[in-house]
Protein backbone atom coordinates (compact mmCIF):
# COMPACT_ATOMS: atom_id res chain seq x y z
CA UNK A 1 -23.15 -14.43 6.53
CA UNK A 2 -22.81 -11.15 7.27
CA UNK A 3 -19.56 -10.11 10.11
CA UNK A 4 -21.33 -9.21 13.29
CA UNK A 5 -19.02 -6.14 14.05
CA UNK A 6 -19.14 -4.28 11.31
CA UNK A 7 -16.40 -2.01 12.92
CA UNK A 8 -14.15 -4.30 13.24
CA UNK A 9 -12.21 -3.27 10.23
CA UNK A 10 -11.29 0.51 11.97
CA UNK A 11 -9.23 -1.13 14.31
CA UNK A 12 -6.85 -2.35 12.39
CA UNK A 13 -2.88 -1.78 12.01
CA UNK A 14 -1.51 -0.74 9.47
CA UNK A 15 1.00 -3.69 8.36
CA UNK A 16 4.24 -3.13 5.92
CA UNK A 17 3.34 -4.67 2.45
CA UNK A 18 6.45 -3.96 0.26
CA UNK A 19 7.63 -7.66 -0.03
CA UNK A 20 9.17 -8.92 -3.01
CA UNK A 21 7.01 -11.82 -4.91
CA UNK A 22 9.71 -14.32 -3.95
CA UNK A 23 8.89 -13.51 -0.34
CA UNK A 24 6.26 -14.34 1.98
CA UNK A 25 4.26 -11.64 3.26
CA UNK A 26 6.16 -9.27 6.02
CA UNK A 27 3.02 -9.23 8.08
CA UNK A 28 2.04 -13.07 8.26
CA UNK A 29 3.17 -15.30 11.40
CA UNK A 30 5.48 -18.30 10.87
CA UNK A 31 4.45 -21.69 9.61
CA UNK A 32 4.81 -23.07 13.07
CA UNK A 33 2.07 -20.18 14.23
CA UNK A 34 -0.36 -21.33 11.52
CA UNK A 35 -4.31 -20.08 12.24
CA UNK A 36 -5.86 -22.92 14.44
CA UNK A 37 -8.96 -21.07 15.19
CA UNK A 38 -11.74 -19.67 13.80
CA UNK A 39 -10.82 -15.50 15.89
CA UNK A 40 -6.91 -16.36 14.32
CA UNK A 41 -8.19 -16.49 11.03
CA UNK A 42 -10.80 -13.52 11.31
CA UNK A 43 -7.46 -11.67 12.77
CA UNK A 44 -5.42 -12.56 9.56
CA UNK A 45 -8.11 -11.53 7.60
CA UNK A 46 -8.04 -7.97 9.04
CA UNK A 47 -4.47 -7.86 7.98
CA UNK A 48 -5.59 -8.71 4.50
CA UNK A 49 -8.24 -5.36 5.01
CA UNK A 50 -5.15 -3.87 6.64
CA UNK A 51 -2.74 -4.28 3.25
CA UNK A 52 -5.31 -2.26 1.35
CA UNK A 53 -4.20 0.53 3.64
CA UNK A 54 -1.00 0.97 1.68
CA UNK A 55 -0.20 4.21 -0.06
CA UNK A 56 1.30 2.16 -2.81
CA UNK A 57 -2.67 0.88 -3.43
CA UNK A 58 -5.88 2.49 -3.73
CA UNK A 59 -5.00 5.55 -1.54
CA UNK A 60 -1.90 6.81 -3.34
CA UNK A 61 0.34 5.27 -6.66
CA UNK A 62 -2.37 2.30 -7.61
CA UNK A 63 -4.57 5.71 -8.41
CA UNK A 64 -2.10 8.39 -9.40
CA UNK A 65 0.26 6.91 -11.53
CA UNK A 66 -2.54 5.61 -14.52
CA UNK A 67 -4.03 9.16 -14.54
CA UNK A 68 -0.93 10.91 -14.19
CA UNK A 69 0.58 9.23 -16.81
CA UNK A 70 -1.97 9.90 -19.43
CA UNK A 71 -3.83 13.16 -20.52
CA UNK A 72 -5.68 13.74 -17.31
CA UNK A 73 -3.40 16.88 -15.55
CA UNK A 74 -0.95 18.63 -16.16
CA UNK A 75 3.06 19.48 -14.27
CA UNK A 76 3.05 22.97 -12.97
CA UNK A 77 6.44 25.04 -13.69
CA UNK A 78 8.03 24.63 -10.30
CA UNK A 79 7.15 21.28 -9.53
CA UNK A 80 8.62 18.69 -6.92
CA UNK A 81 8.91 15.94 -9.61
CA UNK A 82 6.83 14.12 -7.75
CA UNK A 83 5.78 11.10 -10.28
CA UNK A 84 7.64 12.79 -12.87
CA UNK A 85 9.28 10.12 -14.29
CA UNK A 86 5.87 8.59 -14.92
CA UNK A 87 4.25 12.05 -16.46
CA UNK A 88 6.96 12.42 -18.76
CA UNK A 89 6.96 8.65 -19.86
CA UNK A 90 10.42 7.75 -18.72
CA UNK A 91 9.56 5.03 -16.91
CA UNK A 92 12.21 2.46 -16.63
CA UNK A 93 12.31 -1.00 -14.76
CA UNK A 94 13.89 0.00 -12.07
CA UNK A 95 10.74 2.80 -11.23
CA UNK A 96 10.56 2.89 -7.53
CA UNK A 97 6.86 3.39 -7.40
CA UNK A 98 5.68 0.91 -9.63
CA UNK A 99 7.76 -1.46 -7.66
CA UNK A 100 6.28 -0.39 -5.40
CA UNK A 101 2.25 -1.44 -6.56
CA UNK A 102 4.17 -4.20 -7.74
CA UNK A 103 5.57 -5.87 -4.76
CA UNK A 104 2.50 -4.56 -2.67
CA UNK A 105 -0.33 -6.32 -4.73
CA UNK A 106 1.86 -9.65 -4.82
CA UNK A 107 2.20 -9.18 -0.86
CA UNK A 108 -1.59 -9.11 -0.64
CA UNK A 109 -2.02 -11.90 -2.53
CA UNK A 110 0.39 -13.54 -0.01
CA UNK A 111 -1.49 -12.87 2.83
CA UNK A 112 -4.60 -14.04 0.82
CA UNK A 113 -2.63 -17.02 0.46
CA UNK A 114 -2.03 -17.94 3.63
CA UNK A 115 -5.36 -17.28 5.00
CA UNK A 116 -6.99 -19.74 2.32
CA UNK A 117 -4.44 -22.68 2.88
CA UNK A 118 -4.73 -22.62 6.86
CA UNK A 119 -8.65 -22.48 6.69
CA UNK A 120 -8.66 -25.72 4.09
CA UNK A 121 -6.76 -27.59 7.26
CA UNK A 122 -8.58 -25.34 9.79
CA UNK A 123 -11.80 -26.74 8.41
CA UNK A 124 -12.51 -30.37 8.76
CA UNK A 125 -11.64 -29.40 12.68
CA UNK A 126 -14.73 -27.51 13.27
CA UNK A 127 -18.08 -29.07 14.76
CA UNK A 128 -20.10 -26.11 14.89
CA UNK A 129 -22.17 -24.78 12.07
CA UNK A 130 -21.60 -21.13 12.81
CA UNK A 131 -17.49 -21.26 13.12
CA UNK A 132 -18.08 -22.84 9.36
CA UNK A 133 -20.51 -20.40 8.00
CA UNK A 134 -17.81 -18.00 9.29
CA UNK A 135 -14.95 -19.44 8.06
CA UNK A 136 -16.38 -19.66 4.93
CA UNK A 137 -17.18 -16.01 4.82
CA UNK A 138 -13.26 -15.28 5.59
CA UNK A 139 -12.49 -17.43 2.93
CA UNK A 140 -14.88 -15.51 0.38
CA UNK A 141 -13.18 -12.16 1.34
CA UNK A 142 -9.61 -13.74 0.54
CA UNK A 143 -10.72 -15.06 -2.36
CA UNK A 144 -11.91 -11.45 -3.55
CA UNK A 145 -9.27 -10.12 -2.43
CA UNK A 146 -6.79 -12.08 -4.18
CA UNK A 147 -9.05 -11.50 -7.68
CA UNK A 148 -8.75 -7.79 -7.40
CA UNK A 149 -5.19 -7.85 -6.72
CA UNK A 150 -4.39 -10.43 -9.48
CA UNK A 151 -6.75 -7.96 -11.95
CA UNK A 152 -4.95 -4.85 -11.09
CA UNK A 153 -1.80 -6.59 -12.00
CA UNK A 154 -3.29 -7.76 -15.06
CA UNK A 155 -4.64 -4.24 -15.93
CA UNK A 156 -0.96 -2.52 -15.33
CA UNK A 157 1.34 -5.23 -16.44
CA UNK A 158 -0.30 -7.07 -19.48
CA UNK A 159 -1.42 -6.17 -23.02
CA UNK A 160 -4.90 -5.53 -23.63
CA UNK A 161 -7.30 -8.31 -23.76
CA UNK A 162 -8.37 -8.93 -27.17
CA UNK A 163 -9.82 -12.41 -27.11
CA UNK A 164 -9.27 -15.67 -26.02
CA UNK A 165 -6.96 -17.16 -29.17
CA UNK A 166 -4.84 -14.19 -28.96
CA UNK A 167 -4.68 -14.22 -24.70
CA UNK A 168 -3.43 -17.86 -24.35
CA UNK A 169 -0.85 -16.83 -26.54
CA UNK A 170 -0.28 -12.98 -24.45
CA UNK A 171 1.84 -12.82 -21.56
CA UNK A 172 0.12 -12.58 -18.21
CA UNK A 173 1.21 -12.28 -14.53
CA UNK A 174 2.67 -14.96 -12.24
CA UNK A 175 -0.06 -16.98 -10.38
CA UNK A 176 0.87 -17.83 -7.22
CA UNK A 177 -2.02 -19.99 -4.98
CA UNK A 178 -0.20 -21.07 -2.45
CA UNK A 179 1.83 -19.96 0.93
CA UNK A 180 3.28 -22.94 1.93
CA UNK A 181 3.53 -25.42 -1.37
CA UNK A 182 6.64 -23.69 -3.59
CA UNK A 183 5.58 -22.85 -7.01
CA UNK A 184 7.67 -21.50 -10.14
CA UNK A 185 8.16 -18.01 -10.83
CA UNK A 186 6.96 -17.64 -14.46
CA UNK A 187 4.22 -15.87 -15.65
CA UNK A 188 0.64 -17.56 -16.57
CA UNK A 189 -0.58 -16.99 -20.28
CA UNK A 190 -3.06 -13.54 -20.10
CA UNK A 191 -5.88 -16.12 -20.83
CA UNK A 192 -5.19 -17.87 -17.71
CA UNK A 193 -4.06 -15.43 -15.54
CA UNK A 194 -7.48 -14.26 -16.14
CA UNK A 195 -9.15 -17.36 -15.64
CA UNK A 196 -7.54 -17.07 -12.09
CA UNK A 197 -9.22 -14.01 -11.29
CA UNK A 198 -12.96 -15.67 -12.47
CA UNK A 199 -12.28 -18.72 -10.65
CA UNK A 200 -11.66 -16.83 -7.11
CA UNK A 201 -14.80 -14.46 -8.08
CA UNK A 202 -16.90 -17.96 -8.36
CA UNK A 203 -15.65 -19.17 -5.01
CA UNK A 204 -16.22 -15.80 -3.62
CA UNK A 205 -19.27 -15.17 -4.88
CA UNK A 206 -20.53 -18.34 -3.15
CA UNK A 207 -19.00 -17.30 0.06
CA UNK A 208 -19.90 -13.61 0.29
CA UNK A 209 -24.07 -14.60 -0.41
CA UNK A 210 -26.08 -12.28 2.01
CA UNK A 211 -29.14 -13.92 3.37
CA UNK A 212 -32.09 -13.30 1.62
CA UNK A 213 -34.09 -11.68 3.83
CA UNK A 214 -30.73 -9.15 4.31
CA UNK A 215 -31.90 -5.35 5.05
CA UNK A 216 -29.41 -2.91 3.84
CA UNK A 217 -30.96 -0.57 5.67
CA UNK A 218 -29.98 -2.33 8.80
CA UNK A 219 -27.71 -0.84 10.56
CA UNK A 220 -26.55 1.92 8.37
CA UNK A 221 -24.50 -0.68 5.98
CA UNK A 222 -24.62 1.25 3.28
CA UNK A 223 -22.81 4.11 5.02
CA UNK A 224 -20.91 2.19 7.58
CA UNK A 225 -19.91 -1.26 6.10
CA UNK A 226 -19.03 -0.59 2.57
CA UNK A 227 -15.72 -1.45 3.53
CA UNK A 228 -16.36 -5.14 3.63
CA UNK A 229 -16.47 -7.04 0.37
CA UNK A 230 -20.02 -9.07 0.17
CA UNK A 231 -21.71 -10.40 -3.19
CA UNK A 232 -22.04 -7.16 -4.55
CA UNK A 233 -18.59 -6.10 -4.79
CA UNK A 234 -18.13 -9.69 -6.45
CA UNK A 235 -20.49 -8.55 -9.27
CA UNK A 236 -18.90 -5.18 -9.51
CA UNK A 237 -15.44 -6.95 -10.05
CA UNK A 238 -16.83 -9.20 -12.04
CA UNK A 239 -18.70 -6.67 -14.78
CA UNK A 240 -15.08 -4.38 -14.83
CA UNK A 241 -13.02 -7.62 -15.73
CA UNK A 242 -15.49 -8.64 -18.18
CA UNK A 243 -15.33 -5.30 -19.92
CA UNK A 244 -11.62 -5.76 -20.15
CA UNK A 245 -12.04 -9.40 -21.51
CA UNK A 246 -14.44 -7.69 -24.23
CA UNK A 247 -17.59 -9.99 -22.50
CA UNK A 248 -19.92 -7.67 -23.04
CA UNK A 249 -22.61 -10.01 -22.11
CA UNK A 250 -21.13 -11.08 -18.99
CA UNK A 251 -20.49 -7.39 -18.71
CA UNK A 252 -23.96 -6.55 -18.74
CA UNK A 253 -24.72 -9.52 -16.84
CA UNK A 254 -23.26 -8.29 -13.65
CA UNK A 255 -23.35 -4.70 -13.74
CA UNK A 256 -27.32 -5.31 -13.51
CA UNK A 257 -27.31 -7.53 -11.33
CA UNK A 258 -26.06 -4.28 -9.09
CA UNK A 259 -28.18 -1.76 -10.47
CA UNK A 260 -31.59 -3.88 -10.74
CA UNK A 261 -30.92 -5.28 -6.90
CA UNK A 262 -31.82 -1.37 -5.88
CA UNK A 263 -28.88 -2.37 -3.23
CA UNK A 264 -27.34 1.15 -3.87
CA UNK A 265 -28.89 4.17 -5.71
CA UNK A 266 -26.83 7.09 -6.91
CA UNK A 267 -25.89 10.18 -4.77
CA UNK A 268 -27.72 13.54 -6.01
CA UNK A 269 -26.16 17.13 -6.64
CA UNK A 270 -30.05 17.51 -6.56
CA UNK A 271 -30.66 15.94 -3.05
CA UNK A 272 -29.41 17.92 -0.12
CA UNK A 273 -28.09 16.34 2.52
CA UNK A 274 -27.80 19.34 4.70
CA UNK A 275 -27.83 22.93 4.15
CA UNK A 276 -25.87 23.88 1.08
CA UNK A 277 -24.18 20.20 1.04
CA UNK A 278 -25.76 17.62 -1.24
CA UNK A 279 -25.68 13.89 -1.44
CA UNK A 280 -23.30 13.88 -3.90
CA UNK A 281 -20.48 16.89 -1.90
CA UNK A 282 -21.23 14.38 0.73
CA UNK A 283 -19.14 11.14 -0.92
CA UNK A 284 -16.24 13.53 -1.44
CA UNK A 285 -16.54 15.56 1.67
CA UNK A 286 -17.12 13.18 4.29
CA UNK A 287 -16.69 9.62 2.16
CA UNK A 288 -20.60 8.70 2.93
CA UNK A 289 -22.53 7.74 0.10
CA UNK A 290 -25.10 5.42 -1.06
CA UNK A 291 -23.31 4.59 -4.36
CA UNK A 292 -20.14 3.15 -2.83
CA UNK A 293 -20.03 -0.28 -3.20
CA UNK A 294 -16.30 -0.59 -2.02
CA UNK A 295 -14.01 1.52 0.12
CA UNK A 296 -10.90 1.38 1.88
CA UNK A 297 -11.75 2.44 5.39
CA UNK A 298 -9.86 5.40 7.08
CA UNK A 299 -9.55 6.36 10.69
CA UNK A 300 -7.40 9.28 12.21
CA UNK A 301 -5.15 6.83 13.77
CA UNK A 302 -5.28 3.87 11.08
CA UNK A 303 -5.48 4.90 7.28
CA UNK A 304 -3.39 5.38 4.14
CA UNK A 305 -1.81 7.57 2.07
CA UNK A 306 -3.11 11.15 1.15
CA UNK A 307 -4.30 10.97 -2.18
CA UNK A 308 -4.86 14.71 -2.44
CA UNK A 309 -1.40 15.81 -1.32
CA UNK A 310 0.31 16.29 -5.20
CA UNK A 311 -3.11 18.61 -5.80
CA UNK A 312 -2.09 20.95 -3.64
CA UNK A 313 0.68 20.74 -1.20
CA UNK A 314 -0.92 22.73 1.25
CA UNK A 315 1.40 24.49 4.01
CA UNK A 316 -1.69 26.21 5.83
CA UNK A 317 -0.15 29.58 4.04
CA UNK A 318 -0.39 28.67 0.41
CA UNK A 319 -1.06 26.10 -2.69
CA UNK A 320 1.95 24.44 -4.63
CA UNK A 321 0.64 21.91 -6.63
CA UNK A 322 2.57 19.42 -8.74
CA UNK A 323 -0.31 18.89 -10.98
CA UNK A 324 -3.15 20.78 -11.63
CA UNK A 325 -6.60 19.68 -14.23
CA UNK A 326 -6.05 19.62 -17.97
CA UNK A 327 -7.93 22.31 -19.65
CA UNK A 328 -9.48 19.95 -22.66
CA UNK A 329 -10.91 17.45 -19.09
CA UNK A 330 -12.38 21.59 -17.45
CA UNK A 331 -13.79 22.19 -20.91
CA UNK A 332 -16.00 18.93 -20.93
CA UNK A 333 -18.10 19.88 -17.86
CA UNK A 334 -21.29 21.67 -18.74
CA UNK A 335 -22.63 24.57 -16.44
CA UNK A 336 -25.36 22.22 -15.20
CA UNK A 337 -22.86 19.38 -14.37
CA UNK A 338 -22.77 19.37 -10.85
CA UNK A 339 -19.57 17.59 -10.54
CA UNK A 340 -17.42 20.08 -12.00
CA UNK A 341 -17.95 22.16 -8.02
CA UNK A 342 -17.64 18.84 -6.40
CA UNK A 343 -14.07 18.18 -8.18
CA UNK A 344 -12.74 21.68 -8.78
CA UNK A 345 -12.15 24.74 -7.01
CA UNK A 346 -10.20 28.04 -8.53
CA UNK A 347 -7.41 29.33 -7.07
CA UNK A 348 -4.20 31.11 -7.38
CA UNK A 349 -0.86 29.26 -6.27
CA UNK A 350 1.92 29.87 -4.14
CA UNK A 351 4.13 29.99 -6.84
CA UNK A 352 6.43 32.90 -7.71
CA UNK A 353 4.61 32.86 -11.21
CA UNK A 354 1.09 33.14 -9.48
CA UNK A 355 -0.73 30.51 -11.56
CA UNK A 356 -4.67 31.06 -11.27
CA UNK A 357 -6.55 27.46 -11.83
CA UNK A 358 -9.27 25.59 -10.39
CA UNK A 359 -7.14 22.42 -8.53
CA UNK A 360 -8.79 19.52 -7.80
CA UNK A 361 -10.78 19.64 -4.89
CA UNK A 362 -12.37 16.17 -4.93
CA UNK A 363 -9.57 14.45 -3.07
CA UNK A 364 -9.35 17.81 -0.30
CA UNK A 365 -10.06 15.70 1.98
CA UNK A 366 -12.20 13.95 4.65
CA UNK A 367 -13.62 16.81 6.34
CA UNK A 368 -14.30 14.36 9.90
CA UNK A 369 -10.92 13.14 9.68
CA UNK A 370 -9.41 16.89 9.52
CA UNK A 371 -11.78 17.67 12.49
CA UNK A 372 -10.51 14.73 14.37
CA UNK A 373 -7.02 15.05 13.48
CA UNK A 374 -6.14 17.88 10.83
CA UNK A 375 -5.38 15.56 8.07
CA UNK A 376 -5.15 17.40 5.03
CA UNK A 377 -5.89 15.80 1.48
CA UNK A 378 -7.01 12.25 3.18
CA UNK A 379 -9.79 10.98 1.68
CA UNK A 380 -11.04 7.03 1.16
CA UNK A 381 -10.69 5.60 -1.94
CA UNK A 382 -14.05 4.30 -3.38
CA UNK A 383 -12.60 1.22 -5.83
CA UNK A 384 -16.25 0.46 -6.88
CA UNK A 385 -19.40 2.93 -7.13
CA UNK A 386 -22.36 2.55 -8.45
CA UNK A 387 -21.89 5.01 -11.37
CA UNK A 388 -18.85 2.65 -12.68
CA UNK A 389 -21.62 0.28 -13.37
CA UNK A 390 -23.63 2.39 -15.07
CA UNK A 391 -20.81 3.35 -17.91
CA UNK A 392 -19.51 -0.32 -17.46
CA UNK A 393 -23.28 -1.21 -18.69
CA UNK A 394 -23.49 1.01 -21.20
CA UNK A 395 -20.32 0.56 -22.67
CA UNK A 396 -20.69 -3.07 -23.16
CA UNK A 397 -24.46 -2.73 -24.48
CA UNK A 398 -22.78 -0.54 -27.28
CA UNK A 399 -20.13 -2.91 -28.15
CA UNK A 400 -22.41 -6.18 -28.16
CA UNK A 401 -22.84 -7.85 -31.29
CA UNK A 402 -26.38 -6.16 -31.50
CA UNK A 403 -25.87 -2.76 -30.02
CA UNK A 404 -28.50 -1.23 -28.09
CA UNK A 405 -28.19 2.29 -27.81
CA UNK A 406 -31.35 3.20 -26.55
CA UNK A 407 -30.29 0.98 -23.28
CA UNK A 408 -27.07 2.48 -22.93
CA UNK A 409 -28.53 5.81 -23.59
CA UNK A 410 -30.88 5.53 -20.88
CA UNK A 411 -27.86 4.44 -18.37
CA UNK A 412 -26.25 7.44 -19.36
CA UNK A 413 -29.28 9.48 -18.56
CA UNK A 414 -30.01 8.08 -15.11
CA UNK A 415 -26.17 8.44 -14.33
CA UNK A 416 -26.57 12.26 -15.60
CA UNK A 417 -29.89 12.70 -13.95
CA UNK A 418 -28.09 12.67 -10.73
CA UNK A 419 -25.16 14.25 -12.25
CA UNK A 420 -26.68 17.26 -13.39
CA UNK A 421 -28.93 19.86 -12.25
CA UNK A 422 -31.08 20.01 -15.80
CA UNK A 423 -30.66 18.43 -19.33
CA UNK A 424 -29.98 15.21 -18.22
CA UNK A 425 -31.42 13.46 -21.02
CA UNK A 426 -28.86 11.88 -23.75
CA UNK A 427 -29.71 9.99 -27.10
CA UNK A 428 -27.38 7.46 -28.68
CA UNK A 429 -26.46 6.55 -31.81
CA UNK A 430 -23.92 4.51 -33.96
CA UNK A 431 -22.21 7.59 -34.57
CA UNK A 432 -22.02 9.19 -31.08
CA UNK A 433 -21.82 6.68 -28.77
CA UNK A 434 -18.75 5.94 -27.99
CA UNK A 435 -17.93 9.72 -27.96
CA UNK A 436 -20.36 10.15 -25.46
CA UNK A 437 -19.55 7.12 -23.36
CA UNK A 438 -15.64 7.76 -23.39
CA UNK A 439 -16.11 11.63 -22.23
CA UNK A 440 -18.67 11.01 -19.62
CA UNK A 441 -15.64 8.45 -18.18
CA UNK A 442 -13.37 11.17 -18.03
CA UNK A 443 -16.03 13.13 -16.40
CA UNK A 444 -17.31 10.75 -14.27
CA UNK A 445 -14.28 9.22 -13.14
CA UNK A 446 -11.38 11.75 -12.83
CA UNK A 447 -8.17 10.75 -11.80
CA UNK A 448 -9.76 7.44 -9.92
CA UNK A 449 -7.19 5.76 -12.03
CA UNK A 450 -8.86 4.15 -15.02
CA UNK A 451 -7.56 6.43 -18.05
CA UNK A 452 -4.60 4.21 -19.05
CA UNK A 453 -6.47 1.19 -19.35
CA UNK A 454 -8.91 2.75 -21.35
CA UNK A 455 -6.72 4.48 -23.63
CA UNK A 456 -5.16 0.71 -24.11
CA UNK A 457 -8.66 -0.67 -23.97
CA UNK A 458 -9.71 1.66 -26.95
CA UNK A 459 -6.77 1.23 -28.85
CA UNK A 460 -5.87 5.34 -28.13
CA UNK A 461 -3.13 7.48 -27.74
CA UNK A 462 -2.92 10.68 -26.75
CA UNK A 463 -1.29 14.38 -27.29
CA UNK A 464 -0.51 17.17 -24.80
CA UNK A 465 -1.06 21.12 -25.78
CA UNK A 466 0.95 23.46 -23.67
CA UNK A 467 -1.17 25.08 -21.12
CA UNK A 468 -0.62 28.22 -18.86
CA UNK A 469 2.63 27.07 -16.57
CA UNK A 470 2.66 23.60 -17.51
CA UNK A 471 6.02 21.88 -17.55
CA UNK A 472 7.94 22.40 -20.63
CA UNK A 473 9.40 18.80 -20.17
CA UNK A 474 6.36 16.59 -20.73
CA UNK A 475 3.60 19.68 -22.06
CA UNK A 476 4.14 18.69 -25.73
CA UNK A 477 4.23 14.96 -25.33
CA UNK A 478 2.15 12.82 -28.08
CA UNK A 479 2.04 9.28 -27.57
CA UNK A 480 0.89 6.55 -29.99
CA UNK A 481 -1.89 3.98 -29.57
CA UNK A 482 0.94 1.17 -29.99
CA UNK A 483 3.48 2.80 -27.41
CA UNK A 484 4.64 -0.32 -25.31
CA UNK A 485 4.44 2.01 -21.90
CA UNK A 486 1.11 1.52 -22.17
CA UNK A 487 1.98 -1.90 -20.16
CA UNK A 488 4.17 -1.04 -17.49
CA UNK A 489 7.46 -2.79 -16.89
CA UNK A 490 8.24 -5.77 -14.83
CA UNK A 491 10.36 -4.58 -12.04
CA UNK A 492 14.31 -5.59 -12.71
CA UNK A 493 15.04 -6.94 -9.37
CA UNK A 494 11.68 -9.44 -9.62
CA UNK A 495 13.17 -10.33 -13.42
CA UNK A 496 16.69 -10.93 -11.50
CA UNK A 497 15.20 -12.41 -8.29
CA UNK A 498 17.09 -16.13 -7.75
CA UNK A 499 14.93 -18.82 -9.01
CA UNK A 500 12.48 -16.54 -11.33
CA UNK A 501 11.77 -17.19 -14.71
CA UNK A 502 9.79 -13.91 -15.51
CA UNK A 503 9.95 -13.14 -19.01
CA UNK A 504 10.08 -9.01 -19.42
CA UNK A 505 7.26 -6.99 -20.80
CA UNK A 506 8.61 -4.84 -23.93
CA UNK A 507 8.47 -1.76 -21.95
CA UNK A 508 11.37 -3.30 -20.01
CA UNK A 509 13.74 -3.11 -23.25
């Protein structure tokens, strides 16, 4: 059932989430103070949601690093060297940012395991049906959060999934499914790691199912409660994971559950919310949208990182961005593409060289948070959006054994109709389909953390071409598709931790 207080999330307290894999979560209660009531279980789930506020995750490194590492942005002469090792591909197993991502995801998994272990003990003691239903829903949220965390670990620290047979012989991640029961610290196969994700999603789908008579307009759900997981977040992750596993039939199946449900609608550049502000603008300027399936909810006092800082470094007098958009990306947007004006604003920087360039306005920040607390560059990460589902389904249609370019073209045309002021129709053929889809993923999902995985999945490298005032160390970098750093190194302290038997990645060597 749906949780009744849709604003409870907004009262969360940000908790530390940097514990190592071999430790219990820093924010968990001691074993002799385990969960004994549904109310305590509810508080534990609030803690799970609060884990996503970590600036090592979606409001920071987890989103930024994969795209900064690739070809979407350029470091500017005079930059602060923030994320510099990642941009230069000088990535070691001791990189603190990668350690933070790894540790935060495993701490989140530990929080989920704590709730699930204790819920299994609490469930047989409940006599009230409403309490049973509520605890089951809480478990569904924990199963989903654990699946999401493992999917991100697999995406970053494992090779591309080529097929079931190959995956059984490839390294996956360390899978921990219990808080209390000791489990070996060894890497599962890639095959088994993904099976853990799918198993958790199967359980989450049962517990998070919406009531049959659920009205999506009730209480402004799509605007206010997209900070919570539900059955559609399950479908969204199932579709994404299916695409990554090259299971194109399931990718179509689960993306279609969302698209065909009409629960969510694309935010259009052609429909005004207020004078001069489109519904698409509203999504980025105020983090409100009918196409967001799940976002990390912020308030002025309980928030994550400032995602847009590296693109502005604004000191109330000038801009000194560490990174600016790549020219080749800017060139992709046609004049009728409303995303360009929503994403980029040309400004003269405060550097001595006076670079004038389109800066990434997409993450300038939530205007309501700025009005309340003068928070700059602070936006709620939109982890799942309807637009990604159209892109997933279009790619899956083209990659199936019997490609359906017509259906893929209709999906892209639907997306472009919401993004362009005119000329939104696109026709796909065997010759142009993947080129168009790849470009649309760049234009739609720019700097949302997908590029490294996309290039890995497509078996592509890249080459940077120097642009105006781009840092010489890295601007001419050429990366082949087989480069080992497409798979991040396992943090060295995890490999060396007592009791661990973690096989390193090739990039560790």
